[in-house]
Amino acid sequence: MKHTPQDLIRALAAAVQADTPAAPKEEPFGLGAPWMHHATPEEFERLARLHNRIQRKEKSLAALREERAGIMRRSIRRMRRAAGKD
């Protein structure tokens, strides 16, 4: 089985980090994992796209959870005021 050269893996990882708005401190999508040596350059490009999409969705989900928590906090305060506890 043909292995992907290590320098190609690192170059693609650097390109992915350059594309991300805030370059993460960790290596993208499992760089250095044993399975990475068996991925083709086309698969690396697809992994880069998927990695960016996953990051955007995680940020969006975090924002939704933060908004939900804010609503919960406000509702709890109202509930306590209505019960005369605050």
PDB file of N, CA and C in Angstrom:
ATOM      1  N   MET A   1       0.849  -1.173   0.000  1.00  0.00           N
ATOM      2  CA  MET A   1       0.000   0.000   0.000  1.00  0.00           C
ATOM      3  C   MET A   1       0.892   1.233   0.000  1.00  0.00           C
ATOM      4  N   LYS A   2       0.532   2.209  -0.796  1.00  0.00           N
ATOM      5  CA  LYS A   2       1.313   3.437  -0.913  1.00  0.00           C
ATOM      6  C   LYS A   2       0.965   4.385   0.228  1.00  0.00           C
ATOM      7  N   HIS A   3       2.000   4.920   0.874  1.00  0.00           N
ATOM      8  CA  HIS A   3       1.797   5.848   1.982  1.00  0.00           C
ATOM      9  C   HIS A   3       1.916   7.277   1.474  1.00  0.00           C
ATOM     10  N   THR A   4       1.150   8.169   2.101  1.00  0.00           N
ATOM     11  CA  THR A   4       1.239   9.587   1.783  1.00  0.00           C
ATOM     12  C   THR A   4       2.474  10.151   2.483  1.00  0.00           C
ATOM     13  N   PRO A   5       3.314  10.894   1.764  1.00  0.00           N
ATOM     14  CA  PRO A   5       4.531  11.438   2.389  1.00  0.00           C
ATOM     15  C   PRO A   5       4.201  12.383   3.545  1.00  0.00           C
ATOM     16  N   GLN A   6       5.033  12.350   4.563  1.00  0.00           N
ATOM     17  CA  GLN A   6       4.837  13.162   5.761  1.00  0.00           C
ATOM     18  C   GLN A   6       4.848  14.653   5.434  1.00  0.00           C
ATOM     19  N   ASP A   7       5.721  15.082   4.501  1.00  0.00           N
ATOM     20  CA  ASP A   7       5.781  16.510   4.174  1.00  0.00           C
ATOM     21  C   ASP A   7       4.494  16.975   3.499  1.00  0.00           C
ATOM     22  N   LEU A   8       3.850  16.119   2.720  1.00  0.00           N
ATOM     23  CA  LEU A   8       2.569  16.469   2.104  1.00  0.00           C
ATOM     24  C   LEU A   8       1.490  16.613   3.175  1.00  0.00           C
ATOM     25  N   ILE A   9       1.504  15.725   4.142  1.00  0.00           N
ATOM     26  CA  ILE A   9       0.531  15.804   5.233  1.00  0.00           C
ATOM     27  C   ILE A   9       0.695  17.125   5.978  1.00  0.00           C
ATOM     28  N   ARG A  10       1.917  17.477   6.297  1.00  0.00           N
ATOM     29  CA  ARG A  10       2.169  18.712   7.049  1.00  0.00           C
ATOM     30  C   ARG A  10       1.805  19.951   6.221  1.00  0.00           C
ATOM     31  N   ALA A  11       2.087  19.909   4.902  1.00  0.00           N
ATOM     32  CA  ALA A  11       1.758  21.046   4.041  1.00  0.00           C
ATOM     33  C   ALA A  11       0.244  21.243   3.968  1.00  0.00           C
ATOM     34  N   LEU A  12      -0.495  20.154   3.836  1.00  0.00           N
ATOM     35  CA  LEU A  12      -1.950  20.255   3.795  1.00  0.00           C
ATOM     36  C   LEU A  12      -2.505  20.745   5.135  1.00  0.00           C
ATOM     37  N   ALA A  13      -1.924  20.284   6.225  1.00  0.00           N
ATOM     38  CA  ALA A  13      -2.372  20.734   7.542  1.00  0.00           C
ATOM     39  C   ALA A  13      -2.115  22.222   7.716  1.00  0.00           C
ATOM     40  N   ALA A  14      -0.965  22.691   7.234  1.00  0.00           N
ATOM     41  CA  ALA A  14      -0.654  24.120   7.325  1.00  0.00           C
ATOM     42  C   ALA A  14      -1.648  24.930   6.497  1.00  0.00           C
ATOM     43  N   ALA A  15      -2.026  24.418   5.336  1.00  0.00           N
ATOM     44  CA  ALA A  15      -2.997  25.114   4.491  1.00  0.00           C
ATOM     45  C   ALA A  15      -4.352  25.194   5.184  1.00  0.00           C
ATOM     46  N   VAL A  16      -4.744  24.131   5.859  1.00  0.00           N
ATOM     47  CA  VAL A  16      -6.022  24.128   6.579  1.00  0.00           C
ATOM     48  C   VAL A  16      -5.984  25.146   7.704  1.00  0.00           C
ATOM     49  N   GLN A  17      -4.884  25.184   8.445  1.00  0.00           N
ATOM     50  CA  GLN A  17      -4.790  26.138   9.540  1.00  0.00           C
ATOM     51  C   GLN A  17      -4.782  27.565   9.031  1.00  0.00           C
ATOM     52  N   ALA A  18      -4.203  27.796   7.868  1.00  0.00           N
ATOM     53  CA  ALA A  18      -4.189  29.149   7.296  1.00  0.00           C
ATOM     54  C   ALA A  18      -5.592  29.568   6.872  1.00  0.00           C
ATOM     55  N   ASP A  19      -6.431  28.603   6.471  1.00  0.00           N
ATOM     56  CA  ASP A  19      -7.798  28.908   6.036  1.00  0.00           C
ATOM     57  C   ASP A  19      -8.744  29.175   7.187  1.00  0.00           C
ATOM     58  N   THR A  20      -8.456  28.645   8.354  1.00  0.00           N
ATOM     59  CA  THR A  20      -9.359  28.821   9.478  1.00  0.00           C
ATOM     60  C   THR A  20      -9.246  30.246  10.008  1.00  0.00           C
ATOM     61  N   PRO A  21     -10.360  30.847  10.444  1.00  0.00           N
ATOM     62  CA  PRO A  21     -10.327  32.223  10.922  1.00  0.00           C
ATOM     63  C   PRO A  21      -9.374  32.412  12.103  1.00  0.00           C
ATOM     64  N   ALA A  22      -9.455  31.538  13.073  1.00  0.00           N
ATOM     65  CA  ALA A  22      -8.545  31.578  14.221  1.00  0.00           C
ATOM     66  C   ALA A  22      -7.853  30.224  14.258  1.00  0.00           C
ATOM     67  N   ALA A  23      -6.599  30.204  13.907  1.00  0.00           N
ATOM     68  CA  ALA A  23      -5.870  28.939  13.828  1.00  0.00           C
ATOM     69  C   ALA A  23      -5.871  28.253  15.189  1.00  0.00           C
ATOM     70  N   PRO A  24      -6.380  27.031  15.248  1.00  0.00           N
ATOM     71  CA  PRO A  24      -6.434  26.325  16.531  1.00  0.00           C
ATOM     72  C   PRO A  24      -5.035  25.899  16.983  1.00  0.00           C
ATOM     73  N   LYS A  25      -4.904  25.701  18.264  1.00  0.00           N
ATOM     74  CA  LYS A  25      -3.616  25.295  18.814  1.00  0.00           C
ATOM     75  C   LYS A  25      -3.327  23.821  18.522  1.00  0.00           C
ATOM     76  N   GLU A  26      -4.364  22.999  18.454  1.00  0.00           N
ATOM     77  CA  GLU A  26      -4.161  21.574  18.195  1.00  0.00           C
ATOM     78  C   GLU A  26      -4.052  21.310  16.699  1.00  0.00           C
ATOM     79  N   GLU A  27      -3.511  20.175  16.370  1.00  0.00           N
ATOM     80  CA  GLU A  27      -3.357  19.803  14.963  1.00  0.00           C
ATOM     81  C   GLU A  27      -4.729  19.457  14.396  1.00  0.00           C
ATOM     82  N   PRO A  28      -5.028  19.869  13.162  1.00  0.00           N
ATOM     83  CA  PRO A  28      -6.370  19.647  12.616  1.00  0.00           C
ATOM     84  C   PRO A  28      -6.633  18.181  12.271  1.00  0.00           C
ATOM     85  N   PHE A  29      -7.849  17.795  12.461  1.00  0.00           N
ATOM     86  CA  PHE A  29      -8.398  16.472  12.136  1.00  0.00           C
ATOM     87  C   PHE A  29      -7.431  15.304  12.296  1.00  0.00           C
ATOM     88  N   GLY A  30      -6.829  15.192  13.452  1.00  0.00           N
ATOM     89  CA  GLY A  30      -6.044  14.018  13.792  1.00  0.00           C
ATOM     90  C   GLY A  30      -4.712  13.878  13.095  1.00  0.00           C
ATOM     91  N   LEU A  31      -4.040  14.987  12.815  1.00  0.00           N
ATOM     92  CA  LEU A  31      -2.744  14.911  12.160  1.00  0.00           C
ATOM     93  C   LEU A  31      -1.800  14.062  13.012  1.00  0.00           C
ATOM     94  N   GLY A  32      -1.114  13.141  12.395  1.00  0.00           N
ATOM     95  CA  GLY A  32      -0.207  12.254  13.110  1.00  0.00           C
ATOM     96  C   GLY A  32      -0.841  10.932  13.491  1.00  0.00           C
ATOM     97  N   ALA A  33      -2.138  10.799  13.270  1.00  0.00           N
ATOM     98  CA  ALA A  33      -2.808   9.537  13.563  1.00  0.00           C
ATOM     99  C   ALA A  33      -2.350   8.486  12.543  1.00  0.00           C
ATOM    100  N   PRO A  34      -2.277   7.236  12.947  1.00  0.00           N
ATOM    101  CA  PRO A  34      -1.790   6.196  12.025  1.00  0.00           C
ATOM    102  C   PRO A  34      -2.570   6.106  10.714  1.00  0.00           C
ATOM    103  N   TRP A  35      -3.860   6.348  10.757  1.00  0.00           N
ATOM    104  CA  TRP A  35      -4.664   6.226   9.537  1.00  0.00           C
ATOM    105  C   TRP A  35      -4.372   7.334   8.533  1.00  0.00           C
ATOM    106  N   MET A  36      -3.785   8.452   8.997  1.00  0.00           N
ATOM    107  CA  MET A  36      -3.502   9.566   8.096  1.00  0.00           C
ATOM    108  C   MET A  36      -2.494   9.195   7.005  1.00  0.00           C
ATOM    109  N   HIS A  37      -1.638   8.240   7.275  1.00  0.00           N
ATOM    110  CA  HIS A  37      -0.625   7.849   6.301  1.00  0.00           C
ATOM    111  C   HIS A  37      -1.222   7.061   5.134  1.00  0.00           C
ATOM    112  N   HIS A  38      -2.479   6.666   5.275  1.00  0.00           N
ATOM    113  CA  HIS A  38      -3.122   5.872   4.236  1.00  0.00           C
ATOM    114  C   HIS A  38      -4.177   6.668   3.472  1.00  0.00           C
ATOM    115  N   ALA A  39      -4.312   7.945   3.771  1.00  0.00           N
ATOM    116  CA  ALA A  39      -5.291   8.789   3.079  1.00  0.00           C
ATOM    117  C   ALA A  39      -4.655   9.370   1.814  1.00  0.00           C
ATOM    118  N   THR A  40      -5.487   9.540   0.806  1.00  0.00           N
ATOM    119  CA  THR A  40      -5.017  10.106  -0.458  1.00  0.00           C
ATOM    120  C   THR A  40      -5.071  11.633  -0.382  1.00  0.00           C
ATOM    121  N   PRO A  41      -4.382  12.332  -1.281  1.00  0.00           N
ATOM    122  CA  PRO A  41      -4.464  13.808  -1.285  1.00  0.00           C
ATOM    123  C   PRO A  41      -5.900  14.319  -1.458  1.00  0.00           C
ATOM    124  N   GLU A  42      -6.708  13.616  -2.252  1.00  0.00           N
ATOM    125  CA  GLU A  42      -8.116  14.016  -2.419  1.00  0.00           C
ATOM    126  C   GLU A  42      -8.861  13.885  -1.095  1.00  0.00           C
ATOM    127  N   GLU A  43      -8.556  12.828  -0.354  1.00  0.00           N
ATOM    128  CA  GLU A  43      -9.203  12.638   0.938  1.00  0.00           C
ATOM    129  C   GLU A  43      -8.757  13.712   1.927  1.00  0.00           C
ATOM    130  N   PHE A  44      -7.501  14.142   1.840  1.00  0.00           N
ATOM    131  CA  PHE A  44      -7.039  15.220   2.708  1.00  0.00           C
ATOM    132  C   PHE A  44      -7.782  16.514   2.411  1.00  0.00           C
ATOM    133  N   GLU A  45      -8.019  16.800   1.148  1.00  0.00           N
ATOM    134  CA  GLU A  45      -8.770  18.003   0.798  1.00  0.00           C
ATOM    135  C   GLU A  45     -10.185  17.925   1.355  1.00  0.00           C
ATOM    136  N   ARG A  46     -10.796  16.760   1.231  1.00  0.00           N
ATOM    137  CA  ARG A  46     -12.149  16.573   1.754  1.00  0.00           C
ATOM    138  C   ARG A  46     -12.150  16.693   3.280  1.00  0.00           C
ATOM    139  N   LEU A  47     -11.133  16.116   3.929  1.00  0.00           N
ATOM    140  CA  LEU A  47     -11.018  16.230   5.379  1.00  0.00           C
ATOM    141  C   LEU A  47     -10.890  17.691   5.807  1.00  0.00           C
ATOM    142  N   ALA A  48     -10.137  18.468   5.046  1.00  0.00           N
ATOM    143  CA  ALA A  48      -9.970  19.880   5.372  1.00  0.00           C
ATOM    144  C   ALA A  48     -11.304  20.608   5.302  1.00  0.00           C
ATOM    145  N   ARG A  49     -12.074  20.351   4.254  1.00  0.00           N
ATOM    146  CA  ARG A  49     -13.393  20.987   4.124  1.00  0.00           C
ATOM    147  C   ARG A  49     -14.312  20.559   5.271  1.00  0.00           C
ATOM    148  N   LEU A  50     -14.314  19.259   5.555  1.00  0.00           N
ATOM    149  CA  LEU A  50     -15.174  18.753   6.626  1.00  0.00           C
ATOM    150  C   LEU A  50     -14.763  19.334   7.975  1.00  0.00           C
ATOM    151  N   HIS A  51     -13.471  19.436   8.196  1.00  0.00           N
ATOM    152  CA  HIS A  51     -12.969  19.976   9.461  1.00  0.00           C
ATOM    153  C   HIS A  51     -13.469  21.409   9.664  1.00  0.00           C
ATOM    154  N   ASN A  52     -13.390  22.215   8.613  1.00  0.00           N
ATOM    155  CA  ASN A  52     -13.863  23.600   8.708  1.00  0.00           C
ATOM    156  C   ASN A  52     -15.363  23.659   8.934  1.00  0.00           C
ATOM    157  N   ARG A  53     -16.111  22.810   8.253  1.00  0.00           N
ATOM    158  CA  ARG A  53     -17.568  22.785   8.441  1.00  0.00           C
ATOM    159  C   ARG A  53     -17.924  22.379   9.861  1.00  0.00           C
ATOM    160  N   ILE A  54     -17.224  21.385  10.389  1.00  0.00           N
ATOM    161  CA  ILE A  54     -17.480  20.923  11.752  1.00  0.00           C
ATOM    162  C   ILE A  54     -17.198  22.027  12.747  1.00  0.00           C
ATOM    163  N   GLN A  55     -16.086  22.752  12.547  1.00  0.00           N
ATOM    164  CA  GLN A  55     -15.762  23.858  13.452  1.00  0.00           C
ATOM    165  C   GLN A  55     -16.833  24.935  13.434  1.00  0.00           C
ATOM    166  N   ARG A  56     -17.320  25.288  12.235  1.00  0.00           N
ATOM    167  CA  ARG A  56     -18.375  26.314  12.149  1.00  0.00           C
ATOM    168  C   ARG A  56     -19.642  25.842  12.845  1.00  0.00           C
ATOM    169  N   LYS A  57     -20.007  24.579  12.647  1.00  0.00           N
ATOM    170  CA  LYS A  57     -21.226  24.059  13.283  1.00  0.00           C
ATOM    171  C   LYS A  57     -21.074  24.001  14.794  1.00  0.00           C
ATOM    172  N   GLU A  58     -19.886  23.658  15.279  1.00  0.00           N
ATOM    173  CA  GLU A  58     -19.661  23.637  16.727  1.00  0.00           C
ATOM    174  C   GLU A  58     -19.778  25.043  17.316  1.00  0.00           C
ATOM    175  N   LYS A  59     -19.263  26.059  16.610  1.00  0.00           N
ATOM    176  CA  LYS A  59     -19.393  27.441  17.087  1.00  0.00           C
ATOM    177  C   LYS A  59     -20.861  27.852  17.120  1.00  0.00           C
ATOM    178  N   SER A  60     -21.585  27.492  16.083  1.00  0.00           N
ATOM    179  CA  SER A  60     -23.003  27.831  16.021  1.00  0.00           C
ATOM    180  C   SER A  60     -23.769  27.155  17.151  1.00  0.00           C
ATOM    181  N   LEU A  61     -23.473  25.895  17.384  1.00  0.00           N
ATOM    182  CA  LEU A  61     -24.140  25.156  18.452  1.00  0.00           C
ATOM    183  C   LEU A  61     -23.802  25.755  19.816  1.00  0.00           C
ATOM    184  N   ALA A  62     -22.561  26.177  20.000  1.00  0.00           N
ATOM    185  CA  ALA A  62     -22.175  26.808  21.262  1.00  0.00           C
ATOM    186  C   ALA A  62     -22.946  28.102  21.469  1.00  0.00           C
ATOM    187  N   ALA A  63     -23.139  28.870  20.405  1.00  0.00           N
ATOM    188  CA  ALA A  63     -23.900  30.120  20.511  1.00  0.00           C
ATOM    189  C   ALA A  63     -25.358  29.831  20.870  1.00  0.00           C
ATOM    190  N   LEU A  64     -25.944  28.802  20.286  1.00  0.00           N
ATOM    191  CA  LEU A  64     -27.325  28.442  20.615  1.00  0.00           C
ATOM    192  C   LEU A  64     -27.449  28.002  22.065  1.00  0.00           C
ATOM    193  N   ARG A  65     -26.490  27.218  22.530  1.00  0.00           N
ATOM    194  CA  ARG A  65     -26.521  26.766  23.924  1.00  0.00           C
ATOM    195  C   ARG A  65     -26.358  27.944  24.882  1.00  0.00           C
ATOM    196  N   GLU A  66     -25.506  28.900  24.515  1.00  0.00           N
ATOM    197  CA  GLU A  66     -25.311  30.086  25.346  1.00  0.00           C
ATOM    198  C   GLU A  66     -26.599  30.905  25.419  1.00  0.00           C
ATOM    199  N   GLU A  67     -27.281  31.047  24.290  1.00  0.00           N
ATOM    200  CA  GLU A  67     -28.554  31.777  24.288  1.00  0.00           C
ATOM    201  C   GLU A  67     -29.592  31.058  25.144  1.00  0.00           C
ATOM    202  N   ARG A  68     -29.646  29.726  25.028  1.00  0.00           N
ATOM    203  CA  ARG A  68     -30.584  28.943  25.825  1.00  0.00           C
ATOM    204  C   ARG A  68     -30.301  29.127  27.317  1.00  0.00           C
ATOM    205  N   ALA A  69     -29.029  29.111  27.697  1.00  0.00           N
ATOM    206  CA  ALA A  69     -28.661  29.280  29.102  1.00  0.00           C
ATOM    207  C   ALA A  69     -29.074  30.657  29.607  1.00  0.00           C
ATOM    208  N   GLY A  70     -28.930  31.680  28.769  1.00  0.00           N
ATOM    209  CA  GLY A  70     -29.343  33.020  29.159  1.00  0.00           C
ATOM    210  C   GLY A  70     -30.841  33.104  29.412  1.00  0.00           C
ATOM    211  N   ILE A  71     -31.610  32.471  28.544  1.00  0.00           N
ATOM    212  CA  ILE A  71     -33.072  32.451  28.717  1.00  0.00           C
ATOM    213  C   ILE A  71     -33.432  31.715  30.005  1.00  0.00           C
ATOM    214  N   MET A  72     -32.737  30.605  30.248  1.00  0.00           N
ATOM    215  CA  MET A  72     -33.005  29.844  31.471  1.00  0.00           C
ATOM    216  C   MET A  72     -32.692  30.682  32.711  1.00  0.00           C
ATOM    217  N   ARG A  73     -31.561  31.394  32.708  1.00  0.00           N
ATOM    218  CA  ARG A  73     -31.194  32.225  33.863  1.00  0.00           C
ATOM    219  C   ARG A  73     -32.231  33.316  34.116  1.00  0.00           C
ATOM    220  N   ARG A  74     -32.653  33.990  33.041  1.00  0.00           N
ATOM    221  CA  ARG A  74     -33.672  35.051  33.206  1.00  0.00           C
ATOM    222  C   ARG A  74     -34.983  34.480  33.737  1.00  0.00           C
ATOM    223  N   SER A  75     -35.366  33.328  33.229  1.00  0.00           N
ATOM    224  CA  SER A  75     -36.620  32.709  33.674  1.00  0.00           C
ATOM    225  C   SER A  75     -36.536  32.280  35.135  1.00  0.00           C
ATOM    226  N   ILE A  76     -35.386  31.775  35.545  1.00  0.00           N
ATOM    227  CA  ILE A  76     -35.217  31.376  36.943  1.00  0.00           C
ATOM    228  C   ILE A  76     -35.299  32.595  37.854  1.00  0.00           C
ATOM    229  N   ARG A  77     -34.681  33.717  37.427  1.00  0.00           N
ATOM    230  CA  ARG A  77     -34.777  34.941  38.227  1.00  0.00           C
ATOM    231  C   ARG A  77     -36.226  35.398  38.357  1.00  0.00           C
ATOM    232  N   ARG A  78     -36.969  35.366  37.257  1.00  0.00           N
ATOM    233  CA  ARG A  78     -38.390  35.755  37.303  1.00  0.00           C
ATOM    234  C   ARG A  78     -39.170  34.832  38.231  1.00  0.00           C
ATOM    235  N   MET A  79     -38.889  33.543  38.150  1.00  0.00           N
ATOM    236  CA  MET A  79     -39.579  32.568  38.984  1.00  0.00           C
ATOM    237  C   MET A  79     -39.304  32.844  40.463  1.00  0.00           C
ATOM    238  N   ARG A  80     -38.048  33.154  40.786  1.00  0.00           N
ATOM    239  CA  ARG A  80     -37.701  33.435  42.184  1.00  0.00           C
ATOM    240  C   ARG A  80     -38.344  34.729  42.670  1.00  0.00           C
ATOM    241  N   ARG A  81     -38.355  35.759  41.789  1.00  0.00           N
ATOM    242  CA  ARG A  81     -39.007  37.006  42.189  1.00  0.00           C
ATOM    243  C   ARG A  81     -40.511  36.789  42.421  1.00  0.00           C
ATOM    244  N   ALA A  82     -41.121  35.962  41.558  1.00  0.00           N
ATOM    245  CA  ALA A  82     -42.553  35.692  41.712  1.00  0.00           C
ATOM    246  C   ALA A  82     -42.832  34.935  43.004  1.00  0.00           C
ATOM    247  N   ALA A  83     -41.884  34.128  43.436  1.00  0.00           N
ATOM    248  CA  ALA A  83     -42.072  33.369  44.679  1.00  0.00           C
ATOM    249  C   ALA A  83     -41.668  34.197  45.891  1.00  0.00           C
ATOM    250  N   GLY A  84     -41.156  35.425  45.685  1.00  0.00           N
ATOM    251  CA  GLY A  84     -40.777  36.295  46.777  1.00  0.00           C
ATOM    252  C   GLY A  84     -39.458  35.923  47.430  1.00  0.00           C
ATOM    253  N   LYS A  85     -38.600  35.221  46.710  1.00  0.00           N
ATOM    254  CA  LYS A  85     -37.347  34.765  47.284  1.00  0.00           C
ATOM    255  C   LYS A  85     -36.189  35.722  47.046  1.00  0.00           C
ATOM    256  N   ASP A  86     -36.347  36.682  46.149  1.00  0.00           N
ATOM    257  CA  ASP A  86     -35.185  37.502  45.814  1.00  0.00           C
ATOM    258  C   ASP A  86     -35.371  38.944  46.119  1.00  0.00           C
TER     259      ASP A  86
END
